[in-house]
């Protein structure tokens, strides 16, 4: 049978570990100014899971029941809470990482409530590594791969088109795609050029250089 000190230790550990993961999620939501599962929610899930495991273990010793039954219900039931953290905004789906963190924090709580201190602590460290370190690497790679679209109205003279290409090559822009559309009587054409900028490149300087080229009437820039 569990002692009072053992129960206190398991529940306090659940608060600490769940709070550590929740703080990372709270930092994210403060930065994007929205509300979802953050610090308190993760603590509640972790403590609730730990408490369920402690009660399950106590019932097992007292009534010789199946100690894994309550834990199984926690793992399956957390899906309802995770679904509430997932939001769909047009073609975008947000909150999948938070839903996954809620599920894993429930598992951390079960480990802490079951007395598997090493597993609960190491699991929390690995979760924070995935959220913080790998998240930063993912953001860096995503920014490097970000593509921009340049819309240019130029004359139909092939030399003017070549000057645009030479300028893009001079600044080291990677051209991913080019679409050409004739305008009006055919003296002008619309160029839609999908490019990839180098990190820390001066976009304003490049756009001004393009606008100053002879035969270029308009330059527009947007993210793809």
C-alpha atoms as a PDB file:
ATOM      1  CA  UNK A   1       0.000   0.000   0.000  1.00  0.00           C
ATOM      2  CA  UNK A   2       1.259   3.478  -0.846  1.00  0.00           C
ATOM      3  CA  UNK A   3       2.407   5.693   1.999  1.00  0.00           C
ATOM      4  CA  UNK A   4       1.332   9.318   2.349  1.00  0.00           C
ATOM      5  CA  UNK A   5       4.860  10.522   1.533  1.00  0.00           C
ATOM      6  CA  UNK A   6       4.885   8.417  -1.618  1.00  0.00           C
ATOM      7  CA  UNK A   7       1.537   9.841  -2.768  1.00  0.00           C
ATOM      8  CA  UNK A   8       2.673  13.410  -2.081  1.00  0.00           C
ATOM      9  CA  UNK A   9       5.939  12.836  -3.968  1.00  0.00           C
ATOM     10  CA  UNK A  10       4.153  11.449  -7.028  1.00  0.00           C
ATOM     11  CA  UNK A  11       1.582  14.228  -7.222  1.00  0.00           C
ATOM     12  CA  UNK A  12       4.137  16.998  -6.668  1.00  0.00           C
ATOM     13  CA  UNK A  13       6.350  15.509  -9.365  1.00  0.00           C
ATOM     14  CA  UNK A  14       3.355  15.505 -11.706  1.00  0.00           C
ATOM     15  CA  UNK A  15       2.804  19.223 -10.990  1.00  0.00           C
ATOM     16  CA  UNK A  16       6.457  20.049 -11.720  1.00  0.00           C
ATOM     17  CA  UNK A  17       6.796  17.979 -14.881  1.00  0.00           C
ATOM     18  CA  UNK A  18       3.409  18.965 -16.281  1.00  0.00           C
ATOM     19  CA  UNK A  19       4.116  22.616 -15.515  1.00  0.00           C
ATOM     20  CA  UNK A  20       7.449  22.509 -17.352  1.00  0.00           C
ATOM     21  CA  UNK A  21       5.770  21.348 -20.551  1.00  0.00           C
ATOM     22  CA  UNK A  22       2.872  23.757 -20.011  1.00  0.00           C
ATOM     23  CA  UNK A  23       5.228  26.722 -19.697  1.00  0.00           C
ATOM     24  CA  UNK A  24       6.607  26.036 -23.163  1.00  0.00           C
ATOM     25  CA  UNK A  25       3.090  25.976 -24.609  1.00  0.00           C
ATOM     26  CA  UNK A  26       2.189  29.132 -22.652  1.00  0.00           C
ATOM     27  CA  UNK A  27       5.163  30.971 -24.160  1.00  0.00           C
ATOM     28  CA  UNK A  28       3.949  30.048 -27.643  1.00  0.00           C
ATOM     29  CA  UNK A  29       0.397  31.246 -27.090  1.00  0.00           C
ATOM     30  CA  UNK A  30       1.444  34.519 -25.523  1.00  0.00           C
ATOM     31  CA  UNK A  31       3.565  35.208 -28.605  1.00  0.00           C
ATOM     32  CA  UNK A  32       0.671  34.655 -31.028  1.00  0.00           C
ATOM     33  CA  UNK A  33      -1.961  36.213 -28.719  1.00  0.00           C
ATOM     34  CA  UNK A  34      -4.485  33.440 -28.614  1.00  0.00           C
ATOM     35  CA  UNK A  35      -5.827  31.133 -25.933  1.00  0.00           C
ATOM     36  CA  UNK A  36      -5.513  27.382 -25.750  1.00  0.00           C
ATOM     37  CA  UNK A  37      -4.074  24.661 -23.543  1.00  0.00           C
ATOM     38  CA  UNK A  38      -1.241  26.283 -21.619  1.00  0.00           C
ATOM     39  CA  UNK A  39       0.427  26.177 -18.212  1.00  0.00           C
ATOM     40  CA  UNK A  40      -2.537  25.367 -15.955  1.00  0.00           C
ATOM     41  CA  UNK A  41      -4.169  22.967 -18.395  1.00  0.00           C
ATOM     42  CA  UNK A  42      -1.036  20.837 -18.671  1.00  0.00           C
ATOM     43  CA  UNK A  43      -0.648  20.763 -14.888  1.00  0.00           C
ATOM     44  CA  UNK A  44      -4.273  19.686 -14.439  1.00  0.00           C
ATOM     45  CA  UNK A  45      -3.923  16.911 -17.018  1.00  0.00           C
ATOM     46  CA  UNK A  46      -0.677  15.642 -15.524  1.00  0.00           C
ATOM     47  CA  UNK A  47      -1.910  15.735 -11.929  1.00  0.00           C
ATOM     48  CA  UNK A  48      -5.221  14.164 -12.921  1.00  0.00           C
ATOM     49  CA  UNK A  49      -3.430  11.321 -14.668  1.00  0.00           C
ATOM     50  CA  UNK A  50      -1.089  10.823 -11.720  1.00  0.00           C
ATOM     51  CA  UNK A  51      -4.019  10.836  -9.305  1.00  0.00           C
ATOM     52  CA  UNK A  52      -5.844   8.290 -11.454  1.00  0.00           C
ATOM     53  CA  UNK A  53      -2.786   6.047 -11.381  1.00  0.00           C
ATOM     54  CA  UNK A  54      -2.376   6.416  -7.613  1.00  0.00           C
ATOM     55  CA  UNK A  55      -6.049   5.543  -7.061  1.00  0.00           C
ATOM     56  CA  UNK A  56      -5.783   2.650  -9.496  1.00  0.00           C
ATOM     57  CA  UNK A  57      -2.769   1.270  -7.659  1.00  0.00           C
ATOM     58  CA  UNK A  58      -4.507   1.704  -4.317  1.00  0.00           C
ATOM     59  CA  UNK A  59      -7.592  -0.140  -5.547  1.00  0.00           C
ATOM     60  CA  UNK A  60      -5.401  -2.907  -6.835  1.00  0.00           C
ATOM     61  CA  UNK A  61      -3.844  -3.468  -3.415  1.00  0.00           C
ATOM     62  CA  UNK A  62      -7.158  -3.127  -1.599  1.00  0.00           C
ATOM     63  CA  UNK A  63      -9.495  -5.079  -3.865  1.00  0.00           C
ATOM     64  CA  UNK A  64      -7.050  -7.009  -6.086  1.00  0.00           C
ATOM     65  CA  UNK A  65      -8.482  -5.351  -9.192  1.00  0.00           C
ATOM     66  CA  UNK A  66      -6.874  -4.595 -12.518  1.00  0.00           C
ATOM     67  CA  UNK A  67      -4.498  -1.659 -11.942  1.00  0.00           C
ATOM     68  CA  UNK A  68      -4.130  -0.964 -15.650  1.00  0.00           C
ATOM     69  CA  UNK A  69      -7.834  -0.377 -16.302  1.00  0.00           C
ATOM     70  CA  UNK A  70      -7.957   3.219 -15.030  1.00  0.00           C
ATOM     71  CA  UNK A  71      -4.720   4.083 -16.819  1.00  0.00           C
ATOM     72  CA  UNK A  72      -6.118   2.766 -20.105  1.00  0.00           C
ATOM     73  CA  UNK A  73      -9.173   4.991 -19.719  1.00  0.00           C
ATOM     74  CA  UNK A  74      -6.965   8.037 -19.153  1.00  0.00           C
ATOM     75  CA  UNK A  75      -4.975   7.412 -22.334  1.00  0.00           C
ATOM     76  CA  UNK A  76      -8.104   7.000 -24.444  1.00  0.00           C
ATOM     77  CA  UNK A  77     -10.084   9.766 -22.739  1.00  0.00           C
ATOM     78  CA  UNK A  78      -7.410  12.422 -23.203  1.00  0.00           C
ATOM     79  CA  UNK A  79      -8.245  12.363 -26.902  1.00  0.00           C
ATOM     80  CA  UNK A  80     -11.415  14.361 -26.258  1.00  0.00           C
ATOM     81  CA  UNK A  81      -9.426  17.126 -24.576  1.00  0.00           C
ATOM     82  CA  UNK A  82      -6.794  17.071 -27.319  1.00  0.00           C
ATOM     83  CA  UNK A  83      -9.473  17.440 -29.983  1.00  0.00           C
ATOM     84  CA  UNK A  84     -10.576  20.679 -28.362  1.00  0.00           C
ATOM     85  CA  UNK A  85      -7.093  22.143 -28.828  1.00  0.00           C
ATOM     86  CA  UNK A  86      -7.155  21.579 -32.601  1.00  0.00           C
ATOM     87  CA  UNK A  87      -8.446  24.530 -34.620  1.00  0.00           C
ATOM     88  CA  UNK A  88      -9.110  24.739 -38.341  1.00  0.00           C
ATOM     89  CA  UNK A  89      -8.593  28.115 -39.984  1.00  0.00           C
ATOM     90  CA  UNK A  90      -9.403  27.769 -43.674  1.00  0.00           C
ATOM     91  CA  UNK A  91      -6.840  25.384 -45.180  1.00  0.00           C
ATOM     92  CA  UNK A  92      -4.665  25.558 -42.049  1.00  0.00           C
ATOM     93  CA  UNK A  93      -4.936  23.225 -39.057  1.00  0.00           C
ATOM     94  CA  UNK A  94      -3.514  24.542 -35.786  1.00  0.00           C
ATOM     95  CA  UNK A  95      -3.074  22.968 -32.381  1.00  0.00           C
ATOM     96  CA  UNK A  96      -1.848  19.498 -33.362  1.00  0.00           C
ATOM     97  CA  UNK A  97       1.369  19.940 -31.376  1.00  0.00           C
ATOM     98  CA  UNK A  98      -0.587  21.116 -28.325  1.00  0.00           C
ATOM     99  CA  UNK A  99      -2.960  18.164 -28.625  1.00  0.00           C
ATOM    100  CA  UNK A 100       0.062  15.847 -28.757  1.00  0.00           C
ATOM    101  CA  UNK A 101       1.610  17.580 -25.732  1.00  0.00           C
ATOM    102  CA  UNK A 102      -1.611  17.069 -23.770  1.00  0.00           C
ATOM    103  CA  UNK A 103      -1.572  13.380 -24.622  1.00  0.00           C
ATOM    104  CA  UNK A 104       2.082  12.930 -23.692  1.00  0.00           C
ATOM    105  CA  UNK A 105       1.707  14.948 -20.467  1.00  0.00           C
ATOM    106  CA  UNK A 106      -1.067  12.548 -19.483  1.00  0.00           C
ATOM    107  CA  UNK A 107       1.376   9.700 -20.026  1.00  0.00           C
ATOM    108  CA  UNK A 108       3.966  11.562 -17.930  1.00  0.00           C
ATOM    109  CA  UNK A 109       1.381  11.862 -15.172  1.00  0.00           C
ATOM    110  CA  UNK A 110       0.652   8.145 -15.359  1.00  0.00           C
ATOM    111  CA  UNK A 111       4.366   7.387 -15.086  1.00  0.00           C
ATOM    112  CA  UNK A 112       4.757   9.720 -12.110  1.00  0.00           C
ATOM    113  CA  UNK A 113       1.627   8.334 -10.454  1.00  0.00           C
ATOM    114  CA  UNK A 114       2.876   4.805 -11.023  1.00  0.00           C
ATOM    115  CA  UNK A 115       6.187   5.524  -9.337  1.00  0.00           C
ATOM    116  CA  UNK A 116       8.294   5.427 -12.510  1.00  0.00           C
ATOM    117  CA  UNK A 117      10.219   8.568 -11.639  1.00  0.00           C
ATOM    118  CA  UNK A 118      13.049   8.102 -14.137  1.00  0.00           C
ATOM    119  CA  UNK A 119      10.644   7.437 -17.004  1.00  0.00           C
ATOM    120  CA  UNK A 120       8.503  10.466 -16.112  1.00  0.00           C
ATOM    121  CA  UNK A 121      11.491  12.813 -15.778  1.00  0.00           C
ATOM    122  CA  UNK A 122      13.308  11.582 -18.866  1.00  0.00           C
ATOM    123  CA  UNK A 123      10.072  11.691 -20.840  1.00  0.00           C
ATOM    124  CA  UNK A 124       9.594  15.334 -19.859  1.00  0.00           C
ATOM    125  CA  UNK A 125      13.154  16.196 -20.865  1.00  0.00           C
ATOM    126  CA  UNK A 126      12.671  14.564 -24.263  1.00  0.00           C
ATOM    127  CA  UNK A 127       9.343  16.348 -24.788  1.00  0.00           C
ATOM    128  CA  UNK A 128      10.924  19.720 -23.995  1.00  0.00           C
ATOM    129  CA  UNK A 129      13.811  18.893 -26.319  1.00  0.00           C
ATOM    130  CA  UNK A 130      11.341  18.192 -29.131  1.00  0.00           C
ATOM    131  CA  UNK A 131       9.264  21.318 -28.438  1.00  0.00           C
ATOM    132  CA  UNK A 132      12.045  23.833 -27.799  1.00  0.00           C
ATOM    133  CA  UNK A 133      15.238  22.691 -29.552  1.00  0.00           C
ATOM    134  CA  UNK A 134      13.739  20.842 -32.504  1.00  0.00           C
ATOM    135  CA  UNK A 135      11.044  23.503 -32.786  1.00  0.00           C
ATOM    136  CA  UNK A 136      13.706  26.199 -33.191  1.00  0.00           C
ATOM    137  CA  UNK A 137      15.495  24.112 -35.830  1.00  0.00           C
ATOM    138  CA  UNK A 138      12.199  23.568 -37.673  1.00  0.00           C
ATOM    139  CA  UNK A 139      11.464  27.307 -37.686  1.00  0.00           C
ATOM    140  CA  UNK A 140      14.955  28.050 -39.001  1.00  0.00           C
ATOM    141  CA  UNK A 141      14.671  25.529 -41.834  1.00  0.00           C
ATOM    142  CA  UNK A 142      11.173  26.762 -42.695  1.00  0.00           C
ATOM    143  CA  UNK A 143      12.370  30.359 -42.965  1.00  0.00           C
ATOM    144  CA  UNK A 144      15.271  29.326 -45.177  1.00  0.00           C
ATOM    145  CA  UNK A 145      12.896  27.493 -47.497  1.00  0.00           C
ATOM    146  CA  UNK A 146      10.349  30.303 -47.618  1.00  0.00           C
ATOM    147  CA  UNK A 147       9.505  31.261 -51.171  1.00  0.00           C
ATOM    148  CA  UNK A 148       8.441  34.683 -52.432  1.00  0.00           C
ATOM    149  CA  UNK A 149       6.604  35.707 -55.563  1.00  0.00           C
ATOM    150  CA  UNK A 150       7.693  38.694 -57.658  1.00  0.00           C
ATOM    151  CA  UNK A 151       5.158  40.163 -60.080  1.00  0.00           C
ATOM    152  CA  UNK A 152       6.806  42.352 -62.695  1.00  0.00           C
ATOM    153  CA  UNK A 153       5.265  44.230 -65.596  1.00  0.00           C
ATOM    154  CA  UNK A 154       7.953  44.562 -68.275  1.00  0.00           C
ATOM    155  CA  UNK A 155       8.204  45.230 -71.973  1.00  0.00           C
ATOM    156  CA  UNK A 156       8.104  42.339 -74.408  1.00  0.00           C
ATOM    157  CA  UNK A 157      11.718  43.001 -75.370  1.00  0.00           C
ATOM    158  CA  UNK A 158      13.769  39.839 -74.627  1.00  0.00           C
ATOM    159  CA  UNK A 159      16.704  42.003 -73.530  1.00  0.00           C
ATOM    160  CA  UNK A 160      14.646  43.505 -70.700  1.00  0.00           C
ATOM    161  CA  UNK A 161      13.712  40.009 -69.563  1.00  0.00           C
ATOM    162  CA  UNK A 162      17.381  39.017 -69.587  1.00  0.00           C
ATOM    163  CA  UNK A 163      18.275  42.052 -67.468  1.00  0.00           C
ATOM    164  CA  UNK A 164      15.758  40.965 -64.842  1.00  0.00           C
ATOM    165  CA  UNK A 165      17.249  37.468 -64.787  1.00  0.00           C
ATOM    166  CA  UNK A 166      20.783  38.833 -64.564  1.00  0.00           C
ATOM    167  CA  UNK A 167      19.874  41.020 -61.584  1.00  0.00           C
ATOM    168  CA  UNK A 168      18.255  38.111 -59.737  1.00  0.00           C
ATOM    169  CA  UNK A 169      21.345  36.011 -60.407  1.00  0.00           C
ATOM    170  CA  UNK A 170      23.599  38.838 -59.213  1.00  0.00           C
ATOM    171  CA  UNK A 171      21.914  38.847 -55.787  1.00  0.00           C
ATOM    172  CA  UNK A 172      21.941  35.053 -55.565  1.00  0.00           C
ATOM    173  CA  UNK A 173      18.192  34.524 -55.732  1.00  0.00           C
ATOM    174  CA  UNK A 174      17.090  30.985 -56.568  1.00  0.00           C
ATOM    175  CA  UNK A 175      14.408  31.034 -59.257  1.00  0.00           C
ATOM    176  CA  UNK A 176      11.868  28.260 -58.657  1.00  0.00           C
ATOM    177  CA  UNK A 177       9.289  29.063 -61.341  1.00  0.00           C
ATOM    178  CA  UNK A 178       8.507  31.666 -64.008  1.00  0.00           C
ATOM    179  CA  UNK A 179       5.125  32.333 -65.590  1.00  0.00           C
ATOM    180  CA  UNK A 180       4.718  34.808 -68.453  1.00  0.00           C
ATOM    181  CA  UNK A 181       1.420  36.388 -69.472  1.00  0.00           C
ATOM    182  CA  UNK A 182       0.911  38.847 -72.333  1.00  0.00           C
ATOM    183  CA  UNK A 183      -0.874  42.096 -71.462  1.00  0.00           C
ATOM    184  CA  UNK A 184      -3.025  44.384 -73.653  1.00  0.00           C
ATOM    185  CA  UNK A 185      -1.703  44.745 -77.165  1.00  0.00           C
ATOM    186  CA  UNK A 186       1.328  42.595 -76.467  1.00  0.00           C
ATOM    187  CA  UNK A 187       3.851  45.386 -75.841  1.00  0.00           C
ATOM    188  CA  UNK A 188       3.946  44.450 -72.156  1.00  0.00           C
ATOM    189  CA  UNK A 189       4.034  41.184 -70.309  1.00  0.00           C
ATOM    190  CA  UNK A 190       3.441  40.105 -66.730  1.00  0.00           C
ATOM    191  CA  UNK A 191       6.182  38.014 -65.155  1.00  0.00           C
ATOM    192  CA  UNK A 192       5.307  35.963 -62.087  1.00  0.00           C
ATOM    193  CA  UNK A 193       8.616  34.747 -60.715  1.00  0.00           C
ATOM    194  CA  UNK A 194       8.761  32.433 -57.695  1.00  0.00           C
ATOM    195  CA  UNK A 195      12.108  32.919 -55.965  1.00  0.00           C
ATOM    196  CA  UNK A 196      13.900  31.904 -52.808  1.00  0.00           C
ATOM    197  CA  UNK A 197      15.861  34.653 -51.048  1.00  0.00           C
ATOM    198  CA  UNK A 198      19.112  33.997 -49.284  1.00  0.00           C
ATOM    199  CA  UNK A 199      19.056  34.461 -45.487  1.00  0.00           C
ATOM    200  CA  UNK A 200      19.481  38.078 -44.307  1.00  0.00           C
ATOM    201  CA  UNK A 201      19.265  39.453 -47.855  1.00  0.00           C
ATOM    202  CA  UNK A 202      18.046  43.037 -48.291  1.00  0.00           C
ATOM    203  CA  UNK A 203      14.711  42.533 -50.049  1.00  0.00           C
ATOM    204  CA  UNK A 204      13.985  46.257 -50.306  1.00  0.00           C
ATOM    205  CA  UNK A 205      17.271  46.871 -52.128  1.00  0.00           C
ATOM    206  CA  UNK A 206      16.543  44.108 -54.640  1.00  0.00           C
ATOM    207  CA  UNK A 207      13.015  45.363 -55.297  1.00  0.00           C
ATOM    208  CA  UNK A 208      14.303  48.919 -55.833  1.00  0.00           C
ATOM    209  CA  UNK A 209      16.965  47.642 -58.216  1.00  0.00           C
ATOM    210  CA  UNK A 210      14.336  45.741 -60.182  1.00  0.00           C
ATOM    211  CA  UNK A 211      12.056  48.783 -60.351  1.00  0.00           C
ATOM    212  CA  UNK A 212      14.910  50.922 -61.680  1.00  0.00           C
ATOM    213  CA  UNK A 213      15.685  48.601 -64.590  1.00  0.00           C
ATOM    214  CA  UNK A 214      14.800  49.968 -68.047  1.00  0.00           C
ATOM    215  CA  UNK A 215      11.635  48.410 -69.403  1.00  0.00           C
ATOM    216  CA  UNK A 216      10.243  47.517 -65.945  1.00  0.00           C
ATOM    217  CA  UNK A 217       6.951  49.317 -65.256  1.00  0.00           C
ATOM    218  CA  UNK A 218       5.826  47.767 -61.966  1.00  0.00           C
ATOM    219  CA  UNK A 219       7.239  45.482 -59.275  1.00  0.00           C
ATOM    220  CA  UNK A 220       5.127  43.730 -56.638  1.00  0.00           C
ATOM    221  CA  UNK A 221       6.273  41.323 -53.933  1.00  0.00           C
ATOM    222  CA  UNK A 222       4.344  38.816 -51.858  1.00  0.00           C
ATOM    223  CA  UNK A 223       5.009  35.667 -49.871  1.00  0.00           C
ATOM    224  CA  UNK A 224       3.896  32.414 -51.460  1.00  0.00           C
END
